[in-house]
């Protein structure tokens, strides 16, 4: 964690807080809480934003840009990301993760470690990826998840992403743990789905932790509670 004395920081001049986003918090929740505490500290009109959304079920590096640092959001979002992800083979969910219950099951008896390694290797490189319907992607000004929750079927526009590397950290079939290094805009939930398809099965994301964003590593990140306490001078 950073040792910065936050009482000495001029947040209007700009500050990037590297936060380890808690489980079940949305990225917007974190921004709102930080902004609330800053306003209590006297920064009445302070701008606060984040560089790269993390889903509520994910944890890890969330870059919270404060004051003039909000001008750096686009540049910070464009940097490479690294994730540790848990993937379960043999089933799918509508959201591609644990937010929703399993909707289909598939055989896994044919899957071996070598087949998993082959499938992962096939997904490395630059390619088009389809985002999940349950996502914050906008379709004609409306978030995709709003269509999904209303039961409406819409076509998700594919995005060009780059998967630089996928490392198999653990293989206890049907459970996998992988490390992914990728470009901005990559949905690891979609990658989990693609892994299942590459194995002629199904798959969904069971856990996700962003371990790095650009030069910022989760090992040096603030726990949110600690950051808020330091803002209050506790």
Protein backbone atom coordinates (compact mmCIF):
# COMPACT_ATOMS: atom_id res chain seq x y z
CA UNK A 1 0.00 0.00 0.00
CA UNK A 2 1.14 3.56 -0.69
CA UNK A 3 2.59 5.44 2.29
CA UNK A 4 1.41 8.84 1.02
CA UNK A 5 0.23 11.25 3.72
CA UNK A 6 -3.11 12.17 2.15
CA UNK A 7 -3.47 15.19 4.40
CA UNK A 8 -0.62 16.81 2.46
CA UNK A 9 -2.09 16.11 -0.99
CA UNK A 10 -3.74 18.88 -3.01
CA UNK A 11 -6.38 16.77 -4.71
CA UNK A 12 -7.51 19.60 -7.00
CA UNK A 13 -4.05 19.51 -8.61
CA UNK A 14 -4.60 15.86 -9.43
CA UNK A 15 -4.11 12.50 -7.76
CA UNK A 16 -4.54 8.91 -8.94
CA UNK A 17 -5.61 6.62 -6.11
CA UNK A 18 -4.82 2.95 -6.77
CA UNK A 19 -7.65 1.16 -4.96
CA UNK A 20 -8.11 -2.57 -4.42
CA UNK A 21 -11.83 -2.62 -5.28
CA UNK A 22 -13.85 -4.64 -2.76
CA UNK A 23 -16.02 -7.58 -3.78
CA UNK A 24 -19.66 -6.66 -4.51
CA UNK A 25 -18.86 -2.97 -4.93
CA UNK A 26 -19.39 -1.42 -8.34
CA UNK A 27 -16.69 0.86 -9.71
CA UNK A 28 -19.20 3.72 -9.49
CA UNK A 29 -19.84 2.90 -5.82
CA UNK A 30 -16.13 3.42 -5.09
CA UNK A 31 -16.03 6.73 -6.97
CA UNK A 32 -19.12 8.00 -5.14
CA UNK A 33 -17.71 7.06 -1.74
CA UNK A 34 -14.36 8.74 -2.43
CA UNK A 35 -16.11 11.86 -3.73
CA UNK A 36 -18.34 11.96 -0.64
CA UNK A 37 -15.35 11.86 1.71
CA UNK A 38 -13.48 14.50 -0.30
CA UNK A 39 -16.45 16.84 -0.13
CA UNK A 40 -16.59 16.36 3.64
CA UNK A 41 -12.89 17.26 3.70
CA UNK A 42 -13.63 20.57 1.99
CA UNK A 43 -13.32 19.76 -1.71
CA UNK A 44 -16.86 20.86 -2.57
CA UNK A 45 -16.65 20.75 -6.38
CA UNK A 46 -13.99 18.10 -6.85
CA UNK A 47 -14.11 15.86 -9.93
CA UNK A 48 -13.66 12.12 -9.43
CA UNK A 49 -13.71 9.32 -12.02
CA UNK A 50 -12.24 5.91 -12.66
CA UNK A 51 -10.08 4.50 -15.43
CA UNK A 52 -11.48 1.09 -16.36
CA UNK A 53 -14.66 -0.50 -15.00
CA UNK A 54 -14.52 -3.59 -12.81
CA UNK A 55 -17.69 -5.66 -12.40
CA UNK A 56 -19.13 -5.87 -8.85
CA UNK A 57 -18.07 -9.54 -8.57
CA UNK A 58 -14.46 -8.64 -9.45
CA UNK A 59 -11.76 -7.25 -7.17
CA UNK A 60 -8.38 -5.62 -7.69
CA UNK A 61 -6.82 -2.54 -9.23
CA UNK A 62 -9.24 0.33 -9.79
CA UNK A 63 -7.62 3.63 -10.73
CA UNK A 64 -9.62 6.45 -9.15
CA UNK A 65 -8.71 9.78 -10.76
CA UNK A 66 -9.21 12.89 -8.66
CA UNK A 67 -9.14 16.57 -9.61
CA UNK A 68 -7.04 17.35 -12.68
CA UNK A 69 -6.06 13.68 -12.91
CA UNK A 70 -9.50 13.05 -14.43
CA UNK A 71 -7.97 14.38 -17.65
CA UNK A 72 -5.77 11.25 -17.67
CA UNK A 73 -8.66 8.77 -17.62
CA UNK A 74 -8.53 7.90 -21.34
CA UNK A 75 -4.74 7.43 -21.30
CA UNK A 76 -4.87 5.24 -18.19
CA UNK A 77 -7.72 3.16 -19.61
CA UNK A 78 -5.68 2.49 -22.74
CA UNK A 79 -2.90 0.73 -20.81
CA UNK A 80 -2.50 -3.05 -20.65
CA UNK A 81 -4.32 -4.99 -17.97
CA UNK A 82 -3.53 -8.21 -16.10
CA UNK A 83 -6.07 -10.49 -14.42
CA UNK A 84 -6.22 -13.70 -12.42
CA UNK A 85 -9.43 -15.51 -13.32
CA UNK A 86 -11.26 -18.61 -12.19
CA UNK A 87 -13.15 -20.49 -14.92
CA UNK A 88 -15.54 -23.41 -14.57
CA UNK A 89 -15.97 -25.69 -17.58
CA UNK A 90 -19.11 -27.61 -18.51
CA UNK A 91 -21.78 -24.93 -18.08
CA UNK A 92 -22.81 -21.43 -19.14
CA UNK A 93 -24.75 -18.59 -17.55
CA UNK A 94 -26.57 -15.65 -19.20
CA UNK A 95 -24.09 -13.15 -17.74
CA UNK A 96 -21.02 -15.35 -18.45
CA UNK A 97 -20.23 -15.30 -14.70
CA UNK A 98 -21.73 -16.17 -11.29
CA UNK A 99 -24.14 -13.24 -11.27
CA UNK A 100 -26.74 -15.54 -12.85
CA UNK A 101 -27.45 -19.23 -12.41
CA UNK A 102 -26.46 -21.91 -14.92
CA UNK A 103 -28.69 -22.02 -17.99
CA UNK A 104 -27.00 -24.88 -19.91
CA UNK A 105 -24.65 -27.74 -19.11
CA UNK A 106 -22.15 -29.49 -21.40
CA UNK A 107 -19.97 -32.61 -21.28
CA UNK A 108 -16.39 -32.28 -20.01
CA UNK A 109 -15.18 -35.90 -20.06
CA UNK A 110 -13.26 -35.28 -23.28
CA UNK A 111 -11.26 -32.36 -21.85
CA UNK A 112 -7.63 -32.86 -20.81
CA UNK A 113 -4.96 -30.46 -19.62
CA UNK A 114 -3.29 -30.56 -23.02
CA UNK A 115 -6.60 -29.68 -24.68
CA UNK A 116 -7.01 -26.77 -22.28
CA UNK A 117 -3.52 -25.49 -23.11
CA UNK A 118 -4.27 -25.79 -26.83
CA UNK A 119 -7.54 -23.87 -26.41
CA UNK A 120 -5.88 -21.09 -24.45
CA UNK A 121 -3.12 -20.73 -27.04
CA UNK A 122 -5.73 -20.44 -29.80
CA UNK A 123 -7.25 -17.39 -28.13
CA UNK A 124 -4.04 -15.36 -27.93
CA UNK A 125 -3.60 -12.47 -30.36
CA UNK A 126 -5.61 -9.64 -31.86
CA UNK A 127 -9.20 -10.47 -32.71
CA UNK A 128 -12.83 -9.44 -32.47
CA UNK A 129 -14.66 -10.21 -29.24
CA UNK A 130 -18.38 -10.07 -28.44
CA UNK A 131 -19.12 -8.35 -25.10
CA UNK A 132 -21.66 -9.96 -22.73
CA UNK A 133 -25.24 -8.73 -23.02
CA UNK A 134 -25.13 -8.18 -19.26
CA UNK A 135 -22.56 -5.39 -19.52
CA UNK A 136 -22.30 -1.61 -19.44
CA UNK A 137 -21.72 -1.42 -23.20
CA UNK A 138 -24.01 1.19 -24.76
CA UNK A 139 -26.38 0.37 -27.60
CA UNK A 140 -27.88 3.54 -29.07
CA UNK A 141 -27.36 5.30 -25.75
CA UNK A 142 -28.75 2.52 -23.55
CA UNK A 143 -26.67 0.18 -21.40
CA UNK A 144 -26.78 -3.39 -22.72
CA UNK A 145 -27.71 -4.80 -19.31
CA UNK A 146 -30.92 -2.74 -19.36
CA UNK A 147 -32.04 -4.60 -22.50
CA UNK A 148 -30.99 -7.90 -20.89
CA UNK A 149 -32.96 -7.24 -17.71
CA UNK A 150 -36.00 -6.32 -19.81
CA UNK A 151 -35.70 -9.65 -21.64
CA UNK A 152 -34.95 -7.99 -24.97
CA UNK A 153 -32.55 -9.59 -27.45
CA UNK A 154 -30.16 -7.15 -29.08
CA UNK A 155 -27.08 -7.63 -31.23
CA UNK A 156 -23.84 -6.82 -29.43
CA UNK A 157 -21.27 -5.07 -31.59
CA UNK A 158 -17.89 -6.80 -31.54
CA UNK A 159 -14.78 -4.99 -30.35
CA UNK A 160 -11.19 -5.41 -31.48
CA UNK A 161 -9.12 -6.64 -28.52
CA UNK A 162 -5.68 -8.12 -28.01
CA UNK A 163 -4.90 -11.02 -25.70
CA UNK A 164 -1.15 -10.81 -25.17
CA UNK A 165 -0.81 -13.94 -23.06
CA UNK A 166 -2.87 -16.55 -21.21
CA UNK A 167 -1.06 -18.62 -18.57
CA UNK A 168 -2.62 -21.73 -17.06
CA UNK A 169 -1.91 -21.41 -13.34
CA UNK A 170 -4.01 -24.33 -12.12
CA UNK A 171 -5.94 -27.11 -13.84
CA UNK A 172 -8.28 -29.12 -11.64
CA UNK A 173 -10.89 -30.07 -14.17
CA UNK A 174 -13.53 -28.78 -14.53
CA UNK A 175 -11.98 -25.79 -12.67
CA UNK A 176 -9.23 -23.62 -14.17
CA UNK A 177 -7.22 -20.69 -12.87
CA UNK A 178 -5.60 -18.51 -15.51
CA UNK A 179 -3.53 -15.32 -15.74
CA UNK A 180 -4.51 -13.06 -18.63
CA UNK A 181 -2.61 -10.07 -20.01
CA UNK A 182 -4.75 -8.08 -22.41
CA UNK A 183 -5.67 -4.77 -24.00
CA UNK A 184 -8.30 -2.35 -22.81
CA UNK A 185 -11.87 -3.31 -23.66
CA UNK A 186 -11.29 -7.03 -23.15
CA UNK A 187 -14.09 -8.82 -21.31
CA UNK A 188 -12.68 -11.70 -19.29
CA UNK A 189 -16.23 -13.02 -18.94
CA UNK A 190 -16.39 -13.28 -22.73
CA UNK A 191 -12.96 -14.91 -22.76
CA UNK A 192 -14.21 -17.56 -20.31
CA UNK A 193 -17.14 -18.25 -22.64
CA UNK A 194 -14.73 -18.52 -25.59
CA UNK A 195 -12.56 -21.01 -23.69
CA UNK A 196 -15.59 -23.25 -23.28
CA UNK A 197 -16.44 -23.00 -26.96
CA UNK A 198 -12.83 -23.77 -27.95
CA UNK A 199 -13.11 -26.95 -25.88
CA UNK A 200 -16.45 -27.95 -27.47
CA UNK A 201 -18.10 -27.39 -24.11
CA UNK A 202 -19.27 -24.43 -22.05
CA UNK A 203 -17.60 -22.23 -19.47
CA UNK A 204 -18.25 -19.27 -17.22
CA UNK A 205 -16.22 -16.99 -14.96
CA UNK A 206 -16.19 -17.90 -11.26
CA UNK A 207 -13.77 -15.25 -9.98
CA UNK A 208 -11.83 -12.27 -11.29
CA UNK A 209 -9.06 -10.12 -9.83
CA UNK A 210 -7.32 -7.34 -11.73
CA UNK A 211 -3.71 -7.58 -10.60
CA UNK A 212 -2.23 -4.84 -12.75
CA UNK A 213 -3.28 -1.84 -14.82
CA UNK A 214 -0.41 -0.25 -16.69
CA UNK A 215 2.36 0.34 -14.14
CA UNK A 216 0.02 -0.02 -11.15
CA UNK A 217 0.16 -3.33 -9.27
CA UNK A 218 -2.45 -4.58 -6.80
CA UNK A 219 0.27 -5.26 -4.22
CA UNK A 220 0.76 -1.49 -3.88
CA UNK A 221 -2.95 -0.63 -3.87
CA UNK A 222 -4.91 0.97 -1.05
CA UNK A 223 -7.61 -1.03 0.68
CA UNK A 224 -10.68 1.18 0.28
CA UNK A 225 -11.37 1.45 4.02
CA UNK A 226 -7.76 2.48 4.69
CA UNK A 227 -7.88 5.13 1.95
CA UNK A 228 -11.11 6.60 3.31
CA UNK A 229 -9.72 6.68 6.85
CA UNK A 230 -6.61 8.51 5.65
CA UNK A 231 -8.83 11.04 3.87
CA UNK A 232 -10.58 11.64 7.20
CA UNK A 233 -7.24 12.04 8.95
CA UNK A 234 -7.73 8.94 11.11
